[in-house]
Amino acid sequence: MQQINKEKEQQYHQYMELEKDVMNTLAKVRQYEASMTQLKRNIQKCQITLKELGNVDQQKTYQPVGKCFILKPKKDIANEVAEIIKSHEKEIDEYEKVRQHLITKGKEKETQLQEAMKALKI
C-alpha cells in the first residue's frame, strides 16, 4: 500500500514538473514574440527614416544622440540606418528559429503532460 502511494506521489511530482516546464516554455515563446514585434517596429521606423532621407537634397542632416543632435552627412546616416535594419532582420531570423524550437519543445511537453494526466487519472 505504501509502495502505491509513493508511486502516485512520484507521478504527481512529475506532472507538476511537466506543467511548470510547459508554462515556462510558453512564457519564453511570448517573450521572443514580443522581442520580434519590437524589432519589426524598429525596422519600420528605420524604413520611414530612409524614405524621408531620400526627400532631403543638400540640406544639413542631424543624427539624434540622446538629447542632442550631431551634424552628419546624409550618406552616413542612411548607411547607419541600413545597417540597423540588417542587424534587426538577422536578430528576427534568430529569434524565429529559437521560437520555433521552443514551440516544438512545448508541444512535446504538453503531450507528456497529457500522458501524465492519464496516468494519474486526472
PDB file of N, CA and C in Angstrom:
ATOM      1  N   MET A   1       0.826  -1.197   0.000  1.00  0.00           N
ATOM      2  CA  MET A   1       0.000   0.000   0.000  1.00  0.00           C
ATOM      3  C   MET A   1       0.866   1.254   0.000  1.00  0.00           C
ATOM      4  N   GLN A   2       1.906   1.199   0.818  1.00  0.00           N
ATOM      5  CA  GLN A   2       2.798   2.351   0.902  1.00  0.00           C
ATOM      6  C   GLN A   2       3.543   2.544  -0.421  1.00  0.00           C
ATOM      7  N   GLN A   3       3.855   1.440  -1.100  1.00  0.00           N
ATOM      8  CA  GLN A   3       4.535   1.481  -2.398  1.00  0.00           C
ATOM      9  C   GLN A   3       3.656   2.195  -3.438  1.00  0.00           C
ATOM     10  N   ILE A   4       2.364   1.916  -3.422  1.00  0.00           N
ATOM     11  CA  ILE A   4       1.431   2.539  -4.363  1.00  0.00           C
ATOM     12  C   ILE A   4       1.359   4.039  -4.120  1.00  0.00           C
ATOM     13  N   ASN A   5       1.327   4.451  -2.859  1.00  0.00           N
ATOM     14  CA  ASN A   5       1.278   5.876  -2.528  1.00  0.00           C
ATOM     15  C   ASN A   5       2.545   6.593  -2.991  1.00  0.00           C
ATOM     16  N   LYS A   6       3.693   5.949  -2.857  1.00  0.00           N
ATOM     17  CA  LYS A   6       4.948   6.552  -3.302  1.00  0.00           C
ATOM     18  C   LYS A   6       4.961   6.708  -4.822  1.00  0.00           C
ATOM     19  N   GLU A   7       4.435   5.704  -5.515  1.00  0.00           N
ATOM     20  CA  GLU A   7       4.364   5.785  -6.972  1.00  0.00           C
ATOM     21  C   GLU A   7       3.446   6.920  -7.406  1.00  0.00           C
ATOM     22  N   LYS A   8       2.298   7.030  -6.749  1.00  0.00           N
ATOM     23  CA  LYS A   8       1.362   8.118  -7.054  1.00  0.00           C
ATOM     24  C   LYS A   8       2.007   9.472  -6.766  1.00  0.00           C
ATOM     25  N   GLU A   9       2.722   9.542  -5.674  1.00  0.00           N
ATOM     26  CA  GLU A   9       3.390  10.785  -5.304  1.00  0.00           C
ATOM     27  C   GLU A   9       4.443  11.156  -6.347  1.00  0.00           C
ATOM     28  N   GLN A  10       5.198  10.167  -6.836  1.00  0.00           N
ATOM     29  CA  GLN A  10       6.201  10.417  -7.873  1.00  0.00           C
ATOM     30  C   GLN A  10       5.532  10.855  -9.173  1.00  0.00           C
ATOM     31  N   GLN A  11       4.442  10.207  -9.529  1.00  0.00           N
ATOM     32  CA  GLN A  11       3.724  10.585 -10.740  1.00  0.00           C
ATOM     33  C   GLN A  11       3.188  12.017 -10.627  1.00  0.00           C
ATOM     34  N   TYR A  12       2.661  12.341  -9.460  1.00  0.00           N
ATOM     35  CA  TYR A  12       2.137  13.686  -9.242  1.00  0.00           C
ATOM     36  C   TYR A  12       3.261  14.714  -9.330  1.00  0.00           C
ATOM     37  N   HIS A  13       4.412  14.374  -8.754  1.00  0.00           N
ATOM     38  CA  HIS A  13       5.571  15.264  -8.802  1.00  0.00           C
ATOM     39  C   HIS A  13       6.018  15.470 -10.258  1.00  0.00           C
ATOM     40  N   GLN A  14       6.044  14.399 -11.048  1.00  0.00           N
ATOM     41  CA  GLN A  14       6.409  14.504 -12.457  1.00  0.00           C
ATOM     42  C   GLN A  14       5.407  15.379 -13.201  1.00  0.00           C
ATOM     43  N   TYR A  15       4.146  15.194 -12.893  1.00  0.00           N
ATOM     44  CA  TYR A  15       3.093  16.001 -13.514  1.00  0.00           C
ATOM     45  C   TYR A  15       3.310  17.481 -13.219  1.00  0.00           C
ATOM     46  N   MET A  16       3.588  17.806 -11.976  1.00  0.00           N
ATOM     47  CA  MET A  16       3.798  19.201 -11.579  1.00  0.00           C
ATOM     48  C   MET A  16       5.023  19.787 -12.284  1.00  0.00           C
ATOM     49  N   GLU A  17       6.083  19.023 -12.392  1.00  0.00           N
ATOM     50  CA  GLU A  17       7.291  19.478 -13.080  1.00  0.00           C
ATOM     51  C   GLU A  17       7.009  19.724 -14.561  1.00  0.00           C
ATOM     52  N   LEU A  18       6.294  18.809 -15.190  1.00  0.00           N
ATOM     53  CA  LEU A  18       5.950  18.976 -16.598  1.00  0.00           C
ATOM     54  C   LEU A  18       5.080  20.212 -16.812  1.00  0.00           C
ATOM     55  N   GLU A  19       4.136  20.399 -15.924  1.00  0.00           N
ATOM     56  CA  GLU A  19       3.262  21.563 -16.031  1.00  0.00           C
ATOM     57  C   GLU A  19       4.071  22.855 -15.900  1.00  0.00           C
ATOM     58  N   LYS A  20       5.007  22.872 -14.977  1.00  0.00           N
ATOM     59  CA  LYS A  20       5.859  24.048 -14.800  1.00  0.00           C
ATOM     60  C   LYS A  20       6.724  24.277 -16.042  1.00  0.00           C
ATOM     61  N   ASP A  21       7.259  23.207 -16.624  1.00  0.00           N
ATOM     62  CA  ASP A  21       8.066  23.319 -17.843  1.00  0.00           C
ATOM     63  C   ASP A  21       7.243  23.872 -19.000  1.00  0.00           C
ATOM     64  N   VAL A  22       6.009  23.397 -19.141  1.00  0.00           N
ATOM     65  CA  VAL A  22       5.141  23.884 -20.217  1.00  0.00           C
ATOM     66  C   VAL A  22       4.880  25.380 -20.039  1.00  0.00           C
ATOM     67  N   MET A  23       4.587  25.796 -18.830  1.00  0.00           N
ATOM     68  CA  MET A  23       4.318  27.213 -18.561  1.00  0.00           C
ATOM     69  C   MET A  23       5.553  28.068 -18.842  1.00  0.00           C
ATOM     70  N   ASN A  24       6.732  27.594 -18.427  1.00  0.00           N
ATOM     71  CA  ASN A  24       7.967  28.329 -18.680  1.00  0.00           C
ATOM     72  C   ASN A  24       8.249  28.440 -20.171  1.00  0.00           C
ATOM     73  N   THR A  25       8.012  27.365 -20.891  1.00  0.00           N
ATOM     74  CA  THR A  25       8.242  27.371 -22.336  1.00  0.00           C
ATOM     75  C   THR A  25       7.304  28.353 -23.025  1.00  0.00           C
ATOM     76  N   LEU A  26       6.051  28.357 -22.638  1.00  0.00           N
ATOM     77  CA  LEU A  26       5.093  29.302 -23.224  1.00  0.00           C
ATOM     78  C   LEU A  26       5.461  30.749 -22.912  1.00  0.00           C
ATOM     79  N   ALA A  27       5.962  30.983 -21.705  1.00  0.00           N
ATOM     80  CA  ALA A  27       6.388  32.336 -21.335  1.00  0.00           C
ATOM     81  C   ALA A  27       7.574  32.776 -22.193  1.00  0.00           C
ATOM     82  N   LYS A  28       8.506  31.866 -22.441  1.00  0.00           N
ATOM     83  CA  LYS A  28       9.656  32.200 -23.282  1.00  0.00           C
ATOM     84  C   LYS A  28       9.216  32.494 -24.707  1.00  0.00           C
ATOM     85  N   VAL A  29       8.264  31.724 -25.216  1.00  0.00           N
ATOM     86  CA  VAL A  29       7.752  31.955 -26.568  1.00  0.00           C
ATOM     87  C   VAL A  29       7.142  33.353 -26.648  1.00  0.00           C
ATOM     88  N   ARG A  30       6.369  33.731 -25.640  1.00  0.00           N
ATOM     89  CA  ARG A  30       5.758  35.060 -25.626  1.00  0.00           C
ATOM     90  C   ARG A  30       6.823  36.161 -25.583  1.00  0.00           C
ATOM     91  N   GLN A  31       7.899  35.927 -24.817  1.00  0.00           N
ATOM     92  CA  GLN A  31       8.979  36.909 -24.742  1.00  0.00           C
ATOM     93  C   GLN A  31       9.646  37.088 -26.107  1.00  0.00           C
ATOM     94  N   TYR A  32       9.910  35.977 -26.790  1.00  0.00           N
ATOM     95  CA  TYR A  32      10.524  36.066 -28.108  1.00  0.00           C
ATOM     96  C   TYR A  32       9.595  36.758 -29.099  1.00  0.00           C
ATOM     97  N   GLU A  33       8.306  36.478 -29.010  1.00  0.00           N
ATOM     98  CA  GLU A  33       7.348  37.131 -29.900  1.00  0.00           C
ATOM     99  C   GLU A  33       7.319  38.635 -29.642  1.00  0.00           C
ATOM    100  N   ALA A  34       7.365  39.039 -28.387  1.00  0.00           N
ATOM    101  CA  ALA A  34       7.372  40.463 -28.046  1.00  0.00           C
ATOM    102  C   ALA A  34       8.653  41.125 -28.562  1.00  0.00           C
ATOM    103  N   SER A  35       9.782  40.448 -28.425  1.00  0.00           N
ATOM    104  CA  SER A  35      11.045  40.994 -28.923  1.00  0.00           C
ATOM    105  C   SER A  35      11.012  41.139 -30.444  1.00  0.00           C
ATOM    106  N   MET A  36      10.458  40.133 -31.110  1.00  0.00           N
ATOM    107  CA  MET A  36      10.367  40.193 -32.567  1.00  0.00           C
ATOM    108  C   MET A  36       9.461  41.340 -33.004  1.00  0.00           C
ATOM    109  N   THR A  37       8.369  41.551 -32.303  1.00  0.00           N
ATOM    110  CA  THR A  37       7.457  42.644 -32.625  1.00  0.00           C
ATOM    111  C   THR A  37       8.161  43.989 -32.467  1.00  0.00           C
ATOM    112  N   GLN A  38       8.926  44.131 -31.398  1.00  0.00           N
ATOM    113  CA  GLN A  38       9.653  45.382 -31.161  1.00  0.00           C
ATOM    114  C   GLN A  38      10.696  45.613 -32.250  1.00  0.00           C
ATOM    115  N   LEU A  39      11.407  44.569 -32.648  1.00  0.00           N
ATOM    116  CA  LEU A  39      12.393  44.707 -33.715  1.00  0.00           C
ATOM    117  C   LEU A  39      11.724  45.078 -35.037  1.00  0.00           C
ATOM    118  N   LYS A  40      10.567  44.496 -35.316  1.00  0.00           N
ATOM    119  CA  LYS A  40       9.849  44.839 -36.548  1.00  0.00           C
ATOM    120  C   LYS A  40       9.415  46.298 -36.544  1.00  0.00           C
ATOM    121  N   ARG A  41       8.996  46.795 -35.380  1.00  0.00           N
ATOM    122  CA  ARG A  41       8.639  48.218 -35.266  1.00  0.00           C
ATOM    123  C   ARG A  41       9.852  49.099 -35.535  1.00  0.00           C
ATOM    124  N   ASN A  42      10.996  48.707 -34.971  1.00  0.00           N
ATOM    125  CA  ASN A  42      12.217  49.481 -35.189  1.00  0.00           C
ATOM    126  C   ASN A  42      12.607  49.486 -36.661  1.00  0.00           C
ATOM    127  N   ILE A  43      12.417  48.356 -37.335  1.00  0.00           N
ATOM    128  CA  ILE A  43      12.710  48.288 -38.768  1.00  0.00           C
ATOM    129  C   ILE A  43      11.798  49.246 -39.530  1.00  0.00           C
ATOM    130  N   GLN A  44      10.523  49.282 -39.171  1.00  0.00           N
ATOM    131  CA  GLN A  44       9.590  50.191 -39.837  1.00  0.00           C
ATOM    132  C   GLN A  44       9.996  51.644 -39.622  1.00  0.00           C
ATOM    133  N   LYS A  45      10.418  51.968 -38.403  1.00  0.00           N
ATOM    134  CA  LYS A  45      10.882  53.334 -38.128  1.00  0.00           C
ATOM    135  C   LYS A  45      12.096  53.678 -38.980  1.00  0.00           C
ATOM    136  N   CYS A  46      13.011  52.736 -39.089  1.00  0.00           N
ATOM    137  CA  CYS A  46      14.211  52.964 -39.893  1.00  0.00           C
ATOM    138  C   CYS A  46      13.860  53.120 -41.370  1.00  0.00           C
ATOM    139  N   GLN A  47      12.899  52.344 -41.846  1.00  0.00           N
ATOM    140  CA  GLN A  47      12.485  52.462 -43.247  1.00  0.00           C
ATOM    141  C   GLN A  47      11.837  53.822 -43.504  1.00  0.00           C
ATOM    142  N   ILE A  48      11.078  54.315 -42.559  1.00  0.00           N
ATOM    143  CA  ILE A  48      10.486  55.656 -42.688  1.00  0.00           C
ATOM    144  C   ILE A  48      11.597  56.696 -42.721  1.00  0.00           C
ATOM    145  N   THR A  49      12.596  56.521 -41.857  1.00  0.00           N
ATOM    146  CA  THR A  49      13.728  57.446 -41.831  1.00  0.00           C
ATOM    147  C   THR A  49      14.446  57.458 -43.177  1.00  0.00           C
ATOM    148  N   LEU A  50      14.694  56.274 -43.737  1.00  0.00           N
ATOM    149  CA  LEU A  50      15.354  56.197 -45.041  1.00  0.00           C
ATOM    150  C   LEU A  50      14.518  56.859 -46.123  1.00  0.00           C
ATOM    151  N   LYS A  51      13.211  56.653 -46.071  1.00  0.00           N
ATOM    152  CA  LYS A  51      12.313  57.260 -47.060  1.00  0.00           C
ATOM    153  C   LYS A  51      12.385  58.783 -46.973  1.00  0.00           C
ATOM    154  N   GLU A  52      12.351  59.307 -45.760  1.00  0.00           N
ATOM    155  CA  GLU A  52      12.410  60.755 -45.578  1.00  0.00           C
ATOM    156  C   GLU A  52      13.782  61.309 -45.943  1.00  0.00           C
ATOM    157  N   LEU A  53      14.827  60.541 -45.706  1.00  0.00           N
ATOM    158  CA  LEU A  53      16.166  60.987 -46.111  1.00  0.00           C
ATOM    159  C   LEU A  53      16.275  61.088 -47.627  1.00  0.00           C
ATOM    160  N   GLY A  54      15.525  60.249 -48.323  1.00  0.00           N
ATOM    161  CA  GLY A  54      15.518  60.304 -49.783  1.00  0.00           C
ATOM    162  C   GLY A  54      14.955  61.613 -50.300  1.00  0.00           C
ATOM    163  N   ASN A  55      14.080  62.239 -49.526  1.00  0.00           N
ATOM    164  CA  ASN A  55      13.480  63.516 -49.929  1.00  0.00           C
ATOM    165  C   ASN A  55      14.385  64.705 -49.652  1.00  0.00           C
ATOM    166  N   VAL A  56      15.412  64.491 -48.827  1.00  0.00           N
ATOM    167  CA  VAL A  56      16.312  65.577 -48.443  1.00  0.00           C
ATOM    168  C   VAL A  56      17.362  65.754 -49.534  1.00  0.00           C
ATOM    169  N   ASP A  57      17.532  66.983 -49.990  1.00  0.00           N
ATOM    170  CA  ASP A  57      18.526  67.237 -51.027  1.00  0.00           C
ATOM    171  C   ASP A  57      19.873  67.571 -50.392  1.00  0.00           C
ATOM    172  N   GLN A  58      20.219  68.822 -50.407  1.00  0.00           N
ATOM    173  CA  GLN A  58      21.513  69.254 -49.873  1.00  0.00           C
ATOM    174  C   GLN A  58      21.360  69.960 -48.528  1.00  0.00           C
ATOM    175  N   GLN A  59      20.298  69.663 -47.829  1.00  0.00           N
ATOM    176  CA  GLN A  59      20.091  70.279 -46.523  1.00  0.00           C
ATOM    177  C   GLN A  59      21.013  69.634 -45.498  1.00  0.00           C
ATOM    178  N   LYS A  60      21.221  70.321 -44.390  1.00  0.00           N
ATOM    179  CA  LYS A  60      22.010  69.756 -43.307  1.00  0.00           C
ATOM    180  C   LYS A  60      21.209  68.618 -42.661  1.00  0.00           C
ATOM    181  N   THR A  61      21.882  67.534 -42.342  1.00  0.00           N
ATOM    182  CA  THR A  61      21.214  66.414 -41.675  1.00  0.00           C
ATOM    183  C   THR A  61      21.858  66.192 -40.320  1.00  0.00           C
ATOM    184  N   TYR A  62      21.037  65.884 -39.352  1.00  0.00           N
ATOM    185  CA  TYR A  62      21.494  65.681 -37.988  1.00  0.00           C
ATOM    186  C   TYR A  62      21.040  64.302 -37.515  1.00  0.00           C
ATOM    187  N   GLN A  63      21.912  63.679 -36.764  1.00  0.00           N
ATOM    188  CA  GLN A  63      21.565  62.386 -36.179  1.00  0.00           C
ATOM    189  C   GLN A  63      21.338  62.579 -34.682  1.00  0.00           C
ATOM    190  N   PRO A  64      20.204  62.088 -34.168  1.00  0.00           N
ATOM    191  CA  PRO A  64      19.968  62.236 -32.733  1.00  0.00           C
ATOM    192  C   PRO A  64      20.870  61.306 -31.924  1.00  0.00           C
ATOM    193  N   VAL A  65      21.465  61.869 -30.893  1.00  0.00           N
ATOM    194  CA  VAL A  65      22.279  61.094 -29.952  1.00  0.00           C
ATOM    195  C   VAL A  65      21.843  61.534 -28.564  1.00  0.00           C
ATOM    196  N   GLY A  66      21.017  60.706 -27.936  1.00  0.00           N
ATOM    197  CA  GLY A  66      20.492  61.084 -26.625  1.00  0.00           C
ATOM    198  C   GLY A  66      19.604  62.303 -26.763  1.00  0.00           C
ATOM    199  N   LYS A  67      19.979  63.377 -26.056  1.00  0.00           N
ATOM    200  CA  LYS A  67      19.190  64.611 -26.106  1.00  0.00           C
ATOM    201  C   LYS A  67      19.819  65.666 -27.014  1.00  0.00           C
ATOM    202  N   CYS A  68      20.833  65.279 -27.749  1.00  0.00           N
ATOM    203  CA  CYS A  68      21.476  66.236 -28.651  1.00  0.00           C
ATOM    204  C   CYS A  68      21.477  65.691 -30.074  1.00  0.00           C
ATOM    205  N   PHE A  69      21.938  66.498 -30.998  1.00  0.00           N
ATOM    206  CA  PHE A  69      21.982  66.113 -32.403  1.00  0.00           C
ATOM    207  C   PHE A  69      23.380  66.394 -32.944  1.00  0.00           C
ATOM    208  N   ILE A  70      23.844  65.510 -33.813  1.00  0.00           N
ATOM    209  CA  ILE A  70      25.170  65.645 -34.401  1.00  0.00           C
ATOM    210  C   ILE A  70      25.002  65.833 -35.906  1.00  0.00           C
ATOM    211  N   LEU A  71      25.693  66.838 -36.436  1.00  0.00           N
ATOM    212  CA  LEU A  71      25.655  67.088 -37.871  1.00  0.00           C
ATOM    213  C   LEU A  71      26.423  65.983 -38.580  1.00  0.00           C
ATOM    214  N   LYS A  72      25.748  65.303 -39.500  1.00  0.00           N
ATOM    215  CA  LYS A  72      26.365  64.213 -40.250  1.00  0.00           C
ATOM    216  C   LYS A  72      25.918  64.288 -41.692  1.00  0.00           C
ATOM    217  N   PRO A  73      26.742  63.781 -42.591  1.00  0.00           N
ATOM    218  CA  PRO A  73      26.310  63.719 -43.990  1.00  0.00           C
ATOM    219  C   PRO A  73      25.153  62.741 -44.147  1.00  0.00           C
ATOM    220  N   LYS A  74      24.296  63.050 -45.095  1.00  0.00           N
ATOM    221  CA  LYS A  74      23.115  62.230 -45.359  1.00  0.00           C
ATOM    222  C   LYS A  74      23.504  60.782 -45.655  1.00  0.00           C
ATOM    223  N   LYS A  75      24.560  60.590 -46.397  1.00  0.00           N
ATOM    224  CA  LYS A  75      25.009  59.254 -46.788  1.00  0.00           C
ATOM    225  C   LYS A  75      25.377  58.413 -45.556  1.00  0.00           C
ATOM    226  N   ASP A  76      26.074  59.030 -44.593  1.00  0.00           N
ATOM    227  CA  ASP A  76      26.465  58.309 -43.377  1.00  0.00           C
ATOM    228  C   ASP A  76      25.249  57.882 -42.567  1.00  0.00           C
ATOM    229  N   ILE A  77      24.305  58.779 -42.439  1.00  0.00           N
ATOM    230  CA  ILE A  77      23.084  58.458 -41.682  1.00  0.00           C
ATOM    231  C   ILE A  77      22.329  57.330 -42.375  1.00  0.00           C
ATOM    232  N   ALA A  78      22.205  57.412 -43.699  1.00  0.00           N
ATOM    233  CA  ALA A  78      21.499  56.374 -44.446  1.00  0.00           C
ATOM    234  C   ALA A  78      22.200  55.024 -44.293  1.00  0.00           C
ATOM    235  N   ASN A  79      23.526  55.007 -44.333  1.00  0.00           N
ATOM    236  CA  ASN A  79      24.272  53.754 -44.162  1.00  0.00           C
ATOM    237  C   ASN A  79      24.065  53.158 -42.772  1.00  0.00           C
ATOM    238  N   GLU A  80      24.087  54.007 -41.759  1.00  0.00           N
ATOM    239  CA  GLU A  80      23.885  53.526 -40.388  1.00  0.00           C
ATOM    240  C   GLU A  80      22.479  52.958 -40.200  1.00  0.00           C
ATOM    241  N   VAL A  81      21.495  53.636 -40.756  1.00  0.00           N
ATOM    242  CA  VAL A  81      20.113  53.160 -40.640  1.00  0.00           C
ATOM    243  C   VAL A  81      19.959  51.834 -41.390  1.00  0.00           C
ATOM    244  N   ALA A  82      20.580  51.712 -42.552  1.00  0.00           N
ATOM    245  CA  ALA A  82      20.513  50.461 -43.311  1.00  0.00           C
ATOM    246  C   ALA A  82      21.179  49.320 -42.536  1.00  0.00           C
ATOM    247  N   GLU A  83      22.274  49.602 -41.861  1.00  0.00           N
ATOM    248  CA  GLU A  83      22.942  48.585 -41.039  1.00  0.00           C
ATOM    249  C   GLU A  83      22.063  48.156 -39.866  1.00  0.00           C
ATOM    250  N   ILE A  84      21.372  49.112 -39.285  1.00  0.00           N
ATOM    251  CA  ILE A  84      20.454  48.788 -38.182  1.00  0.00           C
ATOM    252  C   ILE A  84      19.354  47.855 -38.684  1.00  0.00           C
ATOM    253  N   ILE A  85      18.827  48.151 -39.871  1.00  0.00           N
ATOM    254  CA  ILE A  85      17.775  47.301 -40.445  1.00  0.00           C
ATOM    255  C   ILE A  85      18.305  45.885 -40.650  1.00  0.00           C
ATOM    256  N   LYS A  86      19.501  45.762 -41.215  1.00  0.00           N
ATOM    257  CA  LYS A  86      20.087  44.444 -41.457  1.00  0.00           C
ATOM    258  C   LYS A  86      20.292  43.674 -40.154  1.00  0.00           C
ATOM    259  N   SER A  87      20.814  44.344 -39.137  1.00  0.00           N
ATOM    260  CA  SER A  87      21.061  43.649 -37.863  1.00  0.00           C
ATOM    261  C   SER A  87      19.752  43.215 -37.211  1.00  0.00           C
ATOM    262  N   HIS A  88      18.719  44.059 -37.297  1.00  0.00           N
ATOM    263  CA  HIS A  88      17.415  43.687 -36.732  1.00  0.00           C
ATOM    264  C   HIS A  88      16.812  42.510 -37.477  1.00  0.00           C
ATOM    265  N   GLU A  89      16.967  42.482 -38.797  1.00  0.00           N
ATOM    266  CA  GLU A  89      16.433  41.366 -39.575  1.00  0.00           C
ATOM    267  C   GLU A  89      17.136  40.060 -39.209  1.00  0.00           C
ATOM    268  N   LYS A  90      18.443  40.124 -38.982  1.00  0.00           N
ATOM    269  CA  LYS A  90      19.186  38.929 -38.553  1.00  0.00           C
ATOM    270  C   LYS A  90      18.702  38.463 -37.186  1.00  0.00           C
ATOM    271  N   GLU A  91      18.501  39.419 -36.276  1.00  0.00           N
ATOM    272  CA  GLU A  91      18.012  39.065 -34.942  1.00  0.00           C
ATOM    273  C   GLU A  91      16.622  38.423 -35.024  1.00  0.00           C
ATOM    274  N   ILE A  92      15.762  38.970 -35.877  1.00  0.00           N
ATOM    275  CA  ILE A  92      14.424  38.405 -36.035  1.00  0.00           C
ATOM    276  C   ILE A  92      14.517  36.966 -36.523  1.00  0.00           C
ATOM    277  N   ASP A  93      15.399  36.705 -37.505  1.00  0.00           N
ATOM    278  CA  ASP A  93      15.575  35.341 -38.002  1.00  0.00           C
ATOM    279  C   ASP A  93      16.033  34.401 -36.891  1.00  0.00           C
ATOM    280  N   GLU A  94      16.999  34.856 -36.081  1.00  0.00           N
ATOM    281  CA  GLU A  94      17.490  34.030 -34.973  1.00  0.00           C
ATOM    282  C   GLU A  94      16.384  33.793 -33.945  1.00  0.00           C
ATOM    283  N   TYR A  95      15.648  34.836 -33.619  1.00  0.00           N
ATOM    284  CA  TYR A  95      14.557  34.708 -32.653  1.00  0.00           C
ATOM    285  C   TYR A  95      13.490  33.755 -33.163  1.00  0.00           C
ATOM    286  N   GLU A  96      13.217  33.812 -34.459  1.00  0.00           N
ATOM    287  CA  GLU A  96      12.201  32.934 -35.041  1.00  0.00           C
ATOM    288  C   GLU A  96      12.630  31.473 -34.934  1.00  0.00           C
ATOM    289  N   LYS A  97      13.908  31.204 -35.161  1.00  0.00           N
ATOM    290  CA  LYS A  97      14.416  29.829 -35.035  1.00  0.00           C
ATOM    291  C   LYS A  97      14.256  29.334 -33.599  1.00  0.00           C
ATOM    292  N   VAL A  98      14.646  30.172 -32.644  1.00  0.00           N
ATOM    293  CA  VAL A  98      14.535  29.793 -31.233  1.00  0.00           C
ATOM    294  C   VAL A  98      13.067  29.625 -30.855  1.00  0.00           C
ATOM    295  N   ARG A  99      12.222  30.517 -31.346  1.00  0.00           N
ATOM    296  CA  ARG A  99      10.784  30.441 -31.057  1.00  0.00           C
ATOM    297  C   ARG A  99      10.191  29.141 -31.580  1.00  0.00           C
ATOM    298  N   GLN A 100      10.537  28.771 -32.808  1.00  0.00           N
ATOM    299  CA  GLN A 100      10.037  27.518 -33.377  1.00  0.00           C
ATOM    300  C   GLN A 100      10.514  26.318 -32.566  1.00  0.00           C
ATOM    301  N   HIS A 101      11.775  26.363 -32.134  1.00  0.00           N
ATOM    302  CA  HIS A 101      12.304  25.278 -31.301  1.00  0.00           C
ATOM    303  C   HIS A 101      11.524  25.188 -29.991  1.00  0.00           C
ATOM    304  N   LEU A 102      11.261  26.330 -29.387  1.00  0.00           N
ATOM    305  CA  LEU A 102      10.512  26.343 -28.125  1.00  0.00           C
ATOM    306  C   LEU A 102       9.079  25.850 -28.315  1.00  0.00           C
ATOM    307  N   ILE A 103       8.471  26.200 -29.428  1.00  0.00           N
ATOM    308  CA  ILE A 103       7.107  25.726 -29.691  1.00  0.00           C
ATOM    309  C   ILE A 103       7.097  24.210 -29.826  1.00  0.00           C
ATOM    310  N   THR A 104       8.075  23.666 -30.569  1.00  0.00           N
ATOM    311  CA  THR A 104       8.170  22.211 -30.721  1.00  0.00           C
ATOM    312  C   THR A 104       8.390  21.547 -29.369  1.00  0.00           C
ATOM    313  N   LYS A 105       9.303  22.126 -28.595  1.00  0.00           N
ATOM    314  CA  LYS A 105       9.595  21.590 -27.258  1.00  0.00           C
ATOM    315  C   LYS A 105       8.355  21.665 -26.368  1.00  0.00           C
ATOM    316  N   GLY A 106       7.609  22.765 -26.474  1.00  0.00           N
ATOM    317  CA  GLY A 106       6.397  22.927 -25.681  1.00  0.00           C
ATOM    318  C   GLY A 106       5.332  21.903 -26.046  1.00  0.00           C
ATOM    319  N   LYS A 107       5.201  21.617 -27.342  1.00  0.00           N
ATOM    320  CA  LYS A 107       4.216  20.616 -27.768  1.00  0.00           C
ATOM    321  C   LYS A 107       4.589  19.230 -27.247  1.00  0.00           C
ATOM    322  N   GLU A 108       5.883  18.927 -27.270  1.00  0.00           N
ATOM    323  CA  GLU A 108       6.328  17.635 -26.725  1.00  0.00           C
ATOM    324  C   GLU A 108       6.008  17.549 -25.236  1.00  0.00           C
ATOM    325  N   LYS A 109       6.259  18.628 -24.523  1.00  0.00           N
ATOM    326  CA  LYS A 109       5.990  18.636 -23.078  1.00  0.00           C
ATOM    327  C   LYS A 109       4.485  18.550 -22.806  1.00  0.00           C
ATOM    328  N   GLU A 110       3.682  19.200 -23.644  1.00  0.00           N
ATOM    329  CA  GLU A 110       2.231  19.107 -23.472  1.00  0.00           C
ATOM    330  C   GLU A 110       1.746  17.674 -23.673  1.00  0.00           C
ATOM    331  N   THR A 111       2.338  16.978 -24.648  1.00  0.00           N
ATOM    332  CA  THR A 111       1.988  15.576 -24.873  1.00  0.00           C
ATOM    333  C   THR A 111       2.363  14.746 -23.652  1.00  0.00           C
ATOM    334  N   GLN A 112       3.552  14.991 -23.123  1.00  0.00           N
ATOM    335  CA  GLN A 112       3.987  14.274 -21.920  1.00  0.00           C
ATOM    336  C   GLN A 112       3.067  14.596 -20.750  1.00  0.00           C
ATOM    337  N   LEU A 113       2.642  15.843 -20.676  1.00  0.00           N
ATOM    338  CA  LEU A 113       1.748  16.267 -19.596  1.00  0.00           C
ATOM    339  C   LEU A 113       0.401  15.549 -19.700  1.00  0.00           C
ATOM    340  N   GLN A 114      -0.118  15.423 -20.919  1.00  0.00           N
ATOM    341  CA  GLN A 114      -1.382  14.719 -21.118  1.00  0.00           C
ATOM    342  C   GLN A 114      -1.245  13.249 -20.730  1.00  0.00           C
ATOM    343  N   GLU A 115      -0.101  12.647 -21.067  1.00  0.00           N
ATOM    344  CA  GLU A 115       0.130  11.257 -20.687  1.00  0.00           C
ATOM    345  C   GLU A 115       0.209  11.115 -19.169  1.00  0.00           C
ATOM    346  N   ALA A 116       0.851  12.092 -18.532  1.00  0.00           N
ATOM    347  CA  ALA A 116       0.942  12.063 -17.074  1.00  0.00           C
ATOM    348  C   ALA A 116      -0.446  12.212 -16.447  1.00  0.00           C
ATOM    349  N   MET A 117      -1.285  13.058 -17.055  1.00  0.00           N
ATOM    350  CA  MET A 117      -2.650  13.234 -16.547  1.00  0.00           C
ATOM    351  C   MET A 117      -3.433  11.935 -16.653  1.00  0.00           C
ATOM    352  N   LYS A 118      -3.255  11.233 -17.793  1.00  0.00           N
ATOM    353  CA  LYS A 118      -3.948   9.957 -17.952  1.00  0.00           C
ATOM    354  C   LYS A 118      -3.464   8.940 -16.929  1.00  0.00           C
ATOM    355  N   ALA A 119      -2.154   8.955 -16.651  1.00  0.00           N
ATOM    356  CA  ALA A 119      -1.604   8.019 -15.682  1.00  0.00           C
ATOM    357  C   ALA A 119      -2.148   8.306 -14.284  1.00  0.00           C
ATOM    358  N   LEU A 120      -2.336   9.571 -13.981  1.00  0.00           N
ATOM    359  CA  LEU A 120      -2.881   9.948 -12.672  1.00  0.00           C
ATOM    360  C   LEU A 120      -4.404   9.899 -12.656  1.00  0.00           C
ATOM    361  N   LYS A 121      -4.983   9.791 -13.839  1.00  0.00           N
ATOM    362  CA  LYS A 121      -6.444   9.770 -13.986  1.00  0.00           C
ATOM    363  C   LYS A 121      -7.068  11.047 -13.479  1.00  0.00           C
ATOM    364  N   ILE A 122      -6.473  12.170 -13.922  1.00  0.00           N
ATOM    365  CA  ILE A 122      -6.976  13.490 -13.540  1.00  0.00           C
ATOM    366  C   ILE A 122      -8.015  13.920 -14.540  1.00  0.00           C
TER     367      ILE A 122
END
